[in-house]
Amino acid sequence: MKIGVLAIQGDFAEHIVMLKRLKVETAEVRLPEHLKNLDGLIIPGGESTTIGKLATDYGLIEPLRLFGQRHAIWGTCAGAIFLSKDARRSQPLLGIMDITVERNAFGRQVDSFEADLDVPEMKTATGTKDLYHAIFIRAPIIESVFADARILASVADGRIVAAQQGHLLATSFHPELTRDTRFHEYFLSLAD
């Protein structure tokens, strides 16, 4: 298996480290031709408007949309915004996942936090029973899921922070900043 990480902006290096811990071959994706021979792609956290503008400049928007029709894509934080069909503002989006996302919904950088999440699908896929300790940094919320998307996890007040639509995955938090590989393992099960 070979997983690409969109490496045009954001914390792509941390995802690569996590994948290498799982003994997965990785590739940095910066141009459309870098998508060849990949089984899946992670779009990291960063700044969603910048990711969208750079993806447009590098001619990646349509190739990423086509890739997402056949392969697994996971967007974390800004990557989740980029995957969404609606971010409640004008910015370049892939628009391939049936979710509406609100940027910075939990507040500014100083409002960043950590929370334990119950994610039954991840527990089943990885064979564990523990809650998932998630790190939220200027995090978006998944305001709504519709059509074929479904909720995977919410914080205690009910706001949605993880969703899945077939082989597409979106998380508001940053699994690459933890030592816990379970969300990456779950994504790999979607890419398999």
Protein backbone atom coordinates (compact mmCIF):
# COMPACT_ATOMS: atom_id res chain seq x y z
CA MET A 1 0.00 0.00 0.00
CA LYS A 2 1.16 3.51 -0.84
CA ILE A 3 -0.45 6.60 0.70
CA GLY A 4 0.16 10.13 -0.49
CA VAL A 5 0.04 13.24 1.67
CA LEU A 6 -0.82 16.55 0.04
CA ALA A 7 2.38 18.48 0.74
CA ILE A 8 1.64 22.00 -0.47
CA GLN A 9 0.88 23.55 2.94
CA GLY A 10 0.20 22.50 6.50
CA ASP A 11 1.42 19.69 8.74
CA PHE A 12 2.01 17.05 6.07
CA ALA A 13 5.33 15.92 7.59
CA GLU A 14 3.59 14.74 10.78
CA HIS A 15 1.24 12.51 8.78
CA ILE A 16 4.19 11.01 6.92
CA VAL A 17 5.90 10.21 10.24
CA MET A 18 2.71 8.51 11.48
CA LEU A 19 2.35 6.45 8.29
CA LYS A 20 6.00 5.38 8.46
CA ARG A 21 5.42 4.21 12.05
CA LEU A 22 2.77 1.93 10.53
CA LYS A 23 5.29 0.70 7.89
CA VAL A 24 3.31 2.28 5.05
CA GLU A 25 5.01 3.57 1.92
CA THR A 26 4.38 7.30 1.55
CA ALA A 27 4.68 9.99 -1.10
CA GLU A 28 4.52 13.76 -0.94
CA VAL A 29 1.93 15.05 -3.42
CA ARG A 30 2.49 18.48 -4.94
CA LEU A 31 1.55 17.97 -8.60
CA PRO A 32 -1.15 15.93 -10.42
CA GLU A 33 1.37 13.31 -11.60
CA HIS A 34 2.25 12.55 -7.96
CA LEU A 35 -1.20 10.94 -7.55
CA LYS A 36 -0.25 8.00 -9.79
CA ASN A 37 0.01 4.60 -8.12
CA LEU A 38 -1.39 5.81 -4.79
CA ASP A 39 -3.97 3.83 -2.81
CA GLY A 40 -5.10 6.82 -0.77
CA LEU A 41 -4.39 10.44 0.08
CA ILE A 42 -4.33 12.52 3.26
CA ILE A 43 -5.05 16.24 3.09
CA PRO A 44 -3.48 17.70 6.25
CA GLY A 45 -4.43 20.51 8.54
CA GLY A 46 -3.10 23.97 7.80
CA GLU A 47 -5.02 26.88 6.32
CA SER A 48 -7.88 25.76 4.07
CA THR A 49 -7.98 28.88 1.88
CA THR A 50 -4.24 28.61 1.21
CA ILE A 51 -4.52 24.88 0.47
CA GLY A 52 -7.33 25.61 -1.99
CA LYS A 53 -5.49 28.45 -3.72
CA LEU A 54 -2.27 26.44 -4.05
CA ALA A 55 -4.18 23.37 -5.29
CA THR A 56 -5.75 25.60 -7.92
CA ASP A 57 -2.38 27.11 -8.91
CA TYR A 58 -0.77 23.66 -9.23
CA GLY A 59 -3.65 22.27 -11.32
CA LEU A 60 -4.64 19.80 -8.60
CA ILE A 61 -8.36 20.48 -8.12
CA GLU A 62 -9.76 18.27 -10.90
CA PRO A 63 -7.14 15.51 -10.51
CA LEU A 64 -7.95 15.37 -6.77
CA ARG A 65 -11.68 15.18 -7.50
CA LEU A 66 -11.10 12.32 -9.95
CA PHE A 67 -8.79 10.58 -7.48
CA GLY A 68 -11.49 10.80 -4.80
CA GLN A 69 -13.99 9.01 -7.02
CA ARG A 70 -11.92 5.82 -6.87
CA HIS A 71 -9.58 6.17 -3.90
CA ALA A 72 -9.70 6.95 -0.20
CA ILE A 73 -9.09 10.56 0.85
CA TRP A 74 -8.88 11.78 4.45
CA GLY A 75 -9.00 15.46 5.33
CA THR A 76 -7.89 16.55 8.80
CA CYS A 77 -8.92 19.99 10.09
CA ALA A 78 -8.30 22.29 7.09
CA GLY A 79 -8.30 19.17 4.91
CA ALA A 80 -11.85 18.41 6.08
CA ILE A 81 -12.90 21.91 5.02
CA PHE A 82 -11.25 21.40 1.62
CA LEU A 83 -13.15 18.11 1.08
CA SER A 84 -16.54 19.61 1.97
CA LYS A 85 -19.31 20.69 -0.36
CA ASP A 86 -19.90 23.85 1.68
CA ALA A 87 -17.62 25.91 3.94
CA ARG A 88 -20.06 28.81 4.35
CA ARG A 89 -17.75 31.17 2.48
CA SER A 90 -16.24 31.58 -0.96
CA GLN A 91 -13.01 29.60 -1.26
CA PRO A 92 -11.71 26.79 -3.47
CA LEU A 93 -13.08 23.42 -2.32
CA LEU A 94 -12.95 19.92 -3.75
CA GLY A 95 -16.67 19.65 -2.98
CA ILE A 96 -16.63 15.85 -2.97
CA MET A 97 -17.92 15.06 0.52
CA ASP A 98 -21.53 15.59 1.60
CA ILE A 99 -20.72 17.75 4.61
CA THR A 100 -21.06 21.41 5.53
CA VAL A 101 -18.17 22.73 7.60
CA GLU A 102 -17.83 25.84 9.73
CA ARG A 103 -14.26 27.12 9.92
CA ASN A 104 -12.68 27.96 13.31
CA ALA A 105 -15.95 26.98 15.00
CA PHE A 106 -14.33 26.33 18.36
CA GLY A 107 -12.65 29.73 18.42
CA ARG A 108 -9.18 31.16 17.99
CA GLN A 109 -5.78 29.56 18.57
CA VAL A 110 -6.00 30.22 22.32
CA ASP A 111 -9.25 28.20 22.39
CA SER A 112 -7.52 25.02 21.20
CA PHE A 113 -8.31 21.99 23.36
CA GLU A 114 -8.15 18.23 23.75
CA ALA A 115 -11.08 15.82 24.24
CA ASP A 116 -11.74 12.11 24.51
CA LEU A 117 -14.00 10.81 21.75
CA ASP A 118 -16.02 7.64 21.42
CA VAL A 119 -15.57 6.40 17.83
CA PRO A 120 -17.26 2.98 17.55
CA GLU A 121 -16.23 2.34 13.91
CA MET A 122 -12.57 3.06 14.68
CA LYS A 123 -12.71 0.83 17.76
CA THR A 124 -14.14 -2.02 15.68
CA ALA A 125 -11.62 -1.57 12.85
CA THR A 126 -8.64 -1.47 15.22
CA GLY A 127 -9.88 -3.95 17.82
CA THR A 128 -9.58 -1.56 20.77
CA LYS A 129 -12.07 -0.32 23.34
CA ASP A 130 -10.35 2.89 24.46
CA LEU A 131 -11.66 6.37 23.77
CA TYR A 132 -9.68 8.40 21.24
CA HIS A 133 -7.83 11.41 22.68
CA ALA A 134 -8.18 14.15 20.05
CA ILE A 135 -6.32 17.44 19.65
CA PHE A 136 -8.30 20.41 18.30
CA ILE A 137 -6.41 23.49 17.03
CA ARG A 138 -8.54 26.34 15.65
CA ALA A 139 -10.78 23.49 14.65
CA PRO A 140 -13.76 23.49 12.34
CA ILE A 141 -16.95 21.64 13.11
CA ILE A 142 -18.84 19.52 10.67
CA GLU A 143 -22.04 21.50 10.82
CA SER A 144 -24.10 18.92 8.96
CA VAL A 145 -23.86 15.65 7.08
CA PHE A 146 -26.25 14.79 4.28
CA ALA A 147 -26.88 12.36 1.42
CA ASP A 148 -24.36 9.50 1.81
CA ALA A 149 -22.21 10.95 4.62
CA ARG A 150 -22.54 9.76 8.21
CA ILE A 151 -21.36 10.93 11.61
CA LEU A 152 -18.44 9.06 13.19
CA ALA A 153 -17.83 11.17 16.29
CA SER A 154 -19.08 14.20 18.19
CA VAL A 155 -17.77 16.12 21.17
CA ALA A 156 -19.74 16.10 24.45
CA ASP A 157 -22.00 19.01 23.41
CA GLY A 158 -23.06 17.16 20.24
CA ARG A 159 -21.03 19.07 17.66
CA ILE A 160 -19.82 16.74 14.89
CA VAL A 161 -16.04 16.33 14.61
CA ALA A 162 -15.66 13.25 12.37
CA ALA A 163 -17.62 11.98 9.38
CA GLN A 164 -17.30 9.37 6.68
CA GLN A 165 -18.78 8.93 3.23
CA GLY A 166 -17.70 5.63 1.73
CA HIS A 167 -13.93 5.91 1.31
CA LEU A 168 -13.88 9.62 2.24
CA LEU A 169 -13.03 10.60 5.81
CA ALA A 170 -13.09 14.02 7.51
CA THR A 171 -11.90 14.89 11.01
CA SER A 172 -11.89 18.28 12.74
CA PHE A 173 -8.94 17.27 14.88
CA HIS A 174 -5.28 16.35 14.33
CA PRO A 175 -4.53 12.62 14.81
CA GLU A 176 -1.03 13.18 13.42
CA LEU A 177 -0.14 15.20 16.54
CA THR A 178 -0.73 12.27 18.89
CA ARG A 179 1.12 9.00 19.46
CA ASP A 180 -2.11 7.07 18.77
CA THR A 181 -2.06 5.48 15.30
CA ARG A 182 -5.65 4.21 15.37
CA PHE A 183 -7.20 6.88 13.15
CA HIS A 184 -4.46 6.34 10.57
CA GLU A 185 -5.10 2.60 10.81
CA TYR A 186 -8.80 3.25 10.27
CA PHE A 187 -8.03 5.32 7.17
CA LEU A 188 -5.80 2.55 5.84
CA SER A 189 -8.74 0.14 6.16
CA LEU A 190 -10.71 2.48 3.86
CA ALA A 191 -7.85 2.62 1.36
CA ASP A 192 -7.37 -1.15 1.28
